[in-house]
Amino acid sequence: MKKKYIVLMILMMISLSKFTIAQTADEVISKYMKASGMDKFGTISTMKQTGTVSIHQGDLNFIRYTKRPNIIRTEIDAMGQQIVQLFDGTNSYSNNPFEGKTDLQLGTDEQSANAKLQADFEPVLVNYIDKGSKVELVGKEKVDSIDTYKLKITTKAGNENFYYLNTKTYLPYRLTYKNMQNGSENNNDVRYLSYKNFNGTMIADKVVVMQDNNPMGKELTLKVTNVEINPFLEDAMFTAPGK
């Protein structure tokens, strides 16, 4: 009888532990939503970001347009040439004037899959339940000199992302995930080094992206200098000519 009682207590403790972790994960996400202004993100339908991306050749100016639910257009000025990348919700298109391809070309399945990841208008933790994702609080972990909550997000498609939220600000400090790049598995390690408040929403204005197989370089630094919330954006901006 005593052994049965001990087993029952252990099972209750395990069950309670899981429940507590789930509640704590929801609590952390709730604080993130408020701290970042993402609890009001539903009022935002379009966004225009202006800034620079630093590569080994120097700094390039970029403009990124995004629109609900998942369309995106990026324009990069490089040595007097304009590089355009867009995702229309299904397919990606891009040009490469340095290879004589000035018109937008249909991307490969791999390129479209990666573009779709970037084009999701809402950050991964926003409305994650409606998206079919699951979130688990792994625990606390120090990243660089920052104490963070480590969250594991498993998407509906089975992709795993790890978000590290600053324990003081509840803003994301690090994101890690894997994707396919040029036919090989690619590790992505993103650091959100600083934030600015744009119309009530905290948006990272300095981001360092480290990747294994990025043709632009293993480490890129993006600096956002301005963000326009809800500008009018024509759908034609996100469609390749003739489509």
Protein backbone atom coordinates (compact mmCIF):
# COMPACT_ATOMS: atom_id res chain seq x y z
CA MET A 1 0.00 0.00 0.00
CA LYS A 2 2.84 2.33 0.88
CA LYS A 3 4.55 1.69 -2.48
CA LYS A 4 1.33 2.46 -4.34
CA TYR A 5 1.02 5.73 -2.42
CA ILE A 6 4.59 6.73 -3.31
CA VAL A 7 4.02 5.91 -7.01
CA LEU A 8 0.79 7.94 -6.98
CA MET A 9 2.58 10.92 -5.42
CA ILE A 10 5.35 10.74 -8.04
CA LEU A 11 2.81 10.66 -10.87
CA MET A 12 0.99 13.65 -9.36
CA MET A 13 4.25 15.59 -9.07
CA ILE A 14 5.16 14.85 -12.71
CA SER A 15 1.69 15.92 -13.86
CA LEU A 16 1.83 19.08 -11.76
CA SER A 17 5.33 19.87 -13.07
CA LYS A 18 4.15 19.68 -16.68
CA PHE A 19 1.16 21.86 -15.89
CA THR A 20 3.36 24.43 -14.15
CA ILE A 21 5.77 24.60 -17.11
CA ALA A 22 2.87 25.07 -19.55
CA GLN A 23 1.43 27.84 -17.40
CA THR A 24 4.84 29.50 -17.10
CA ALA A 25 5.33 29.39 -20.87
CA ASP A 26 1.98 31.11 -21.38
CA GLU A 27 2.90 33.66 -18.71
CA VAL A 28 6.22 34.44 -20.40
CA ILE A 29 4.51 34.82 -23.79
CA SER A 30 1.85 37.09 -22.27
CA LYS A 31 4.56 39.38 -20.86
CA TYR A 32 6.36 39.33 -24.20
CA MET A 33 3.16 40.37 -25.99
CA LYS A 34 2.68 43.36 -23.69
CA ALA A 35 6.34 44.42 -23.55
CA SER A 36 6.73 44.31 -27.34
CA GLY A 37 3.35 45.86 -28.18
CA MET A 38 2.44 42.65 -30.03
CA ASP A 39 -0.85 42.54 -28.13
CA LYS A 40 -1.91 45.37 -30.46
CA PHE A 41 -0.24 43.90 -33.54
CA GLY A 42 -3.61 42.93 -34.99
CA THR A 43 -4.19 46.59 -35.88
CA ILE A 44 -1.17 46.54 -38.23
CA SER A 45 -1.74 45.29 -41.77
CA THR A 46 1.24 46.72 -43.68
CA MET A 47 4.75 47.84 -42.86
CA LYS A 48 7.63 49.56 -44.64
CA GLN A 49 11.13 49.25 -43.17
CA THR A 50 14.13 51.24 -44.38
CA GLY A 51 17.72 50.58 -43.41
CA THR A 52 21.11 49.12 -44.30
CA VAL A 53 22.58 45.63 -44.48
CA SER A 54 26.31 45.27 -43.88
CA ILE A 55 28.21 42.64 -45.87
CA HIS A 56 31.93 42.16 -46.44
CA GLN A 57 31.80 44.48 -49.49
CA GLY A 58 30.24 47.33 -47.48
CA ASP A 59 26.84 48.71 -46.49
CA LEU A 60 23.85 48.38 -48.82
CA ASN A 61 20.60 50.32 -48.50
CA PHE A 62 17.38 48.33 -48.42
CA ILE A 63 13.62 48.86 -48.25
CA ARG A 64 11.37 46.02 -47.12
CA TYR A 65 7.61 46.08 -47.67
CA THR A 66 5.41 43.54 -45.89
CA LYS A 67 1.66 42.99 -45.98
CA ARG A 68 -0.75 40.59 -44.34
CA PRO A 69 -0.95 37.69 -44.40
CA ASN A 70 2.35 36.66 -46.00
CA ILE A 71 3.56 38.77 -48.90
CA ILE A 72 6.88 40.61 -48.92
CA ARG A 73 9.05 42.70 -51.24
CA THR A 74 12.66 43.71 -50.59
CA GLU A 75 14.64 46.21 -52.67
CA ILE A 76 18.43 46.44 -52.23
CA ASP A 77 20.67 49.08 -53.80
CA ALA A 78 24.04 47.56 -54.69
CA MET A 79 26.69 49.50 -56.63
CA GLY A 80 24.10 51.44 -58.62
CA GLN A 81 22.00 48.36 -59.33
CA GLN A 82 18.69 47.40 -57.73
CA ILE A 83 18.16 43.86 -56.52
CA VAL A 84 14.50 42.92 -55.99
CA GLN A 85 13.21 39.92 -54.08
CA LEU A 86 9.51 39.23 -53.57
CA PHE A 87 7.12 36.56 -52.37
CA ASP A 88 3.52 36.68 -53.58
CA GLY A 89 2.12 34.25 -51.04
CA THR A 90 2.98 31.17 -53.10
CA ASN A 91 6.14 31.73 -55.13
CA SER A 92 9.32 33.75 -54.79
CA TYR A 93 10.84 35.89 -57.54
CA SER A 94 14.13 37.74 -57.77
CA ASN A 95 16.51 39.37 -60.21
CA ASN A 96 20.30 39.53 -60.36
CA PRO A 97 21.55 42.44 -62.49
CA PHE A 98 25.15 41.34 -61.87
CA GLU A 99 24.41 38.19 -63.86
CA GLY A 100 22.48 40.08 -66.53
CA LYS A 101 19.10 39.01 -65.09
CA THR A 102 17.30 42.33 -64.75
CA ASP A 103 13.80 40.79 -64.96
CA LEU A 104 12.30 38.92 -62.04
CA GLN A 105 12.87 35.18 -62.28
CA LEU A 106 10.73 32.49 -60.65
CA GLY A 107 12.53 31.01 -57.63
CA THR A 108 13.16 27.35 -56.94
CA ASP A 109 11.01 25.38 -54.50
CA GLU A 110 13.75 25.83 -51.90
CA GLN A 111 13.90 29.60 -52.44
CA SER A 112 10.11 29.88 -52.22
CA ALA A 113 10.06 27.84 -49.00
CA ASN A 114 12.67 30.14 -47.43
CA ALA A 115 10.83 33.24 -48.65
CA LYS A 116 7.63 31.95 -47.07
CA LEU A 117 9.41 31.72 -43.70
CA GLN A 118 10.48 35.36 -43.98
CA ALA A 119 7.13 36.59 -45.30
CA ASP A 120 4.92 35.53 -42.37
CA PHE A 121 3.67 38.96 -41.29
CA GLU A 122 3.17 38.01 -37.66
CA PRO A 123 6.13 37.05 -35.46
CA VAL A 124 6.13 33.34 -34.65
CA LEU A 125 4.86 33.73 -31.07
CA VAL A 126 1.89 35.92 -32.05
CA ASN A 127 -1.32 33.85 -32.27
CA TYR A 128 0.80 30.70 -32.20
CA ILE A 129 -2.14 28.52 -31.11
CA ASP A 130 -4.25 29.62 -34.09
CA LYS A 131 -1.31 28.78 -36.35
CA GLY A 132 -1.18 25.25 -34.99
CA SER A 133 2.19 25.73 -33.29
CA LYS A 134 3.21 24.36 -29.90
CA VAL A 135 5.41 26.21 -27.41
CA GLU A 136 7.45 24.70 -24.60
CA LEU A 137 9.43 26.55 -21.97
CA VAL A 138 12.76 24.71 -21.95
CA GLY A 139 14.17 26.75 -19.07
CA LYS A 140 16.52 29.65 -18.46
CA GLU A 141 19.81 30.07 -20.32
CA LYS A 142 22.49 32.75 -20.45
CA VAL A 143 23.21 33.92 -23.99
CA ASP A 144 26.30 36.12 -24.24
CA SER A 145 25.78 38.18 -21.06
CA ILE A 146 21.96 38.10 -21.22
CA ASP A 147 19.76 35.93 -19.00
CA THR A 148 17.00 34.49 -21.17
CA TYR A 149 13.93 32.29 -21.17
CA LYS A 150 14.45 29.58 -23.79
CA LEU A 151 11.27 28.71 -25.69
CA LYS A 152 10.94 25.86 -28.16
CA ILE A 153 8.36 26.53 -30.88
CA THR A 154 7.27 23.60 -33.03
CA THR A 155 5.26 24.79 -36.02
CA LYS A 156 2.34 22.98 -37.62
CA ALA A 157 4.73 21.86 -40.38
CA GLY A 158 7.05 20.33 -37.78
CA ASN A 159 9.77 22.99 -37.96
CA GLU A 160 11.52 23.79 -34.69
CA ASN A 161 12.51 27.32 -33.64
CA PHE A 162 14.20 28.30 -30.40
CA TYR A 163 13.46 31.79 -29.08
CA TYR A 164 15.46 33.29 -26.23
CA LEU A 165 13.61 36.13 -24.47
CA ASN A 166 15.45 38.59 -22.24
CA THR A 167 14.29 37.86 -18.68
CA LYS A 168 14.23 41.58 -17.84
CA THR A 169 12.62 43.07 -20.95
CA TYR A 170 10.78 39.97 -22.29
CA LEU A 171 11.94 40.97 -25.77
CA PRO A 172 13.56 38.37 -28.05
CA TYR A 173 17.35 38.41 -27.89
CA ARG A 174 18.16 35.32 -29.93
CA LEU A 175 16.46 33.05 -32.48
CA THR A 176 17.85 29.80 -33.87
CA TYR A 177 16.36 27.61 -36.57
CA LYS A 178 17.32 25.41 -39.53
CA ASN A 179 16.39 25.64 -43.19
CA MET A 180 17.69 24.40 -46.54
CA GLN A 181 20.11 26.65 -48.43
CA ASN A 182 21.67 25.62 -51.75
CA GLY A 183 20.69 22.02 -51.13
CA SER A 184 22.32 21.79 -47.70
CA GLU A 185 20.98 22.16 -44.17
CA ASN A 186 21.60 25.70 -42.99
CA ASN A 187 21.90 26.80 -39.35
CA ASN A 188 20.51 30.26 -38.61
CA ASP A 189 21.54 32.16 -35.47
CA VAL A 190 19.94 35.58 -35.11
CA ARG A 191 20.73 38.21 -32.44
CA TYR A 192 18.35 41.14 -31.82
CA LEU A 193 20.79 43.59 -30.30
CA SER A 194 18.58 46.66 -29.85
CA TYR A 195 15.01 47.86 -30.24
CA LYS A 196 13.11 51.06 -31.01
CA ASN A 197 9.49 51.93 -30.36
CA PHE A 198 7.68 52.56 -33.64
CA ASN A 199 4.09 53.64 -33.07
CA GLY A 200 3.77 51.52 -29.93
CA THR A 201 5.46 48.42 -31.35
CA MET A 202 8.98 47.44 -30.31
CA ILE A 203 10.91 46.52 -33.45
CA ALA A 204 14.52 45.36 -33.52
CA ASP A 205 16.61 48.06 -35.18
CA LYS A 206 19.93 46.21 -35.07
CA VAL A 207 20.00 42.53 -35.99
CA VAL A 208 22.97 40.24 -36.59
CA VAL A 209 22.27 37.15 -38.72
CA MET A 210 24.76 34.27 -38.79
CA GLN A 211 24.27 31.48 -41.32
CA ASP A 212 26.28 28.55 -42.68
CA ASN A 213 25.45 28.86 -46.37
CA ASN A 214 24.41 32.43 -47.17
CA PRO A 215 26.01 33.56 -50.47
CA MET A 216 26.09 37.14 -49.16
CA GLY A 217 28.30 36.10 -46.23
CA LYS A 218 28.22 34.07 -43.03
CA GLU A 219 27.41 37.13 -40.93
CA LEU A 220 25.12 40.02 -41.87
CA THR A 221 24.20 43.08 -39.81
CA LEU A 222 20.87 44.76 -40.49
CA LYS A 223 20.14 48.24 -39.17
CA VAL A 224 16.59 49.58 -39.42
CA THR A 225 16.52 53.37 -39.52
CA ASN A 226 12.80 53.93 -40.07
CA VAL A 227 9.53 52.02 -39.92
CA GLU A 228 6.21 53.15 -41.38
CA ILE A 229 3.15 51.47 -39.91
CA ASN A 230 0.13 50.82 -42.17
CA PRO A 231 1.29 52.61 -45.34
CA PHE A 232 -0.87 52.01 -48.39
CA LEU A 233 0.75 49.24 -50.47
CA GLU A 234 -0.65 48.07 -53.79
CA ASP A 235 -0.90 44.29 -54.23
CA ALA A 236 0.80 44.75 -57.62
CA MET A 237 4.04 45.56 -55.76
CA PHE A 238 4.21 41.93 -54.66
CA THR A 239 3.47 40.38 -58.04
CA ALA A 240 5.99 39.64 -60.79
CA PRO A 241 5.16 41.42 -64.07
CA GLY A 242 2.96 39.31 -66.32
CA LYS A 243 1.66 37.16 -63.45
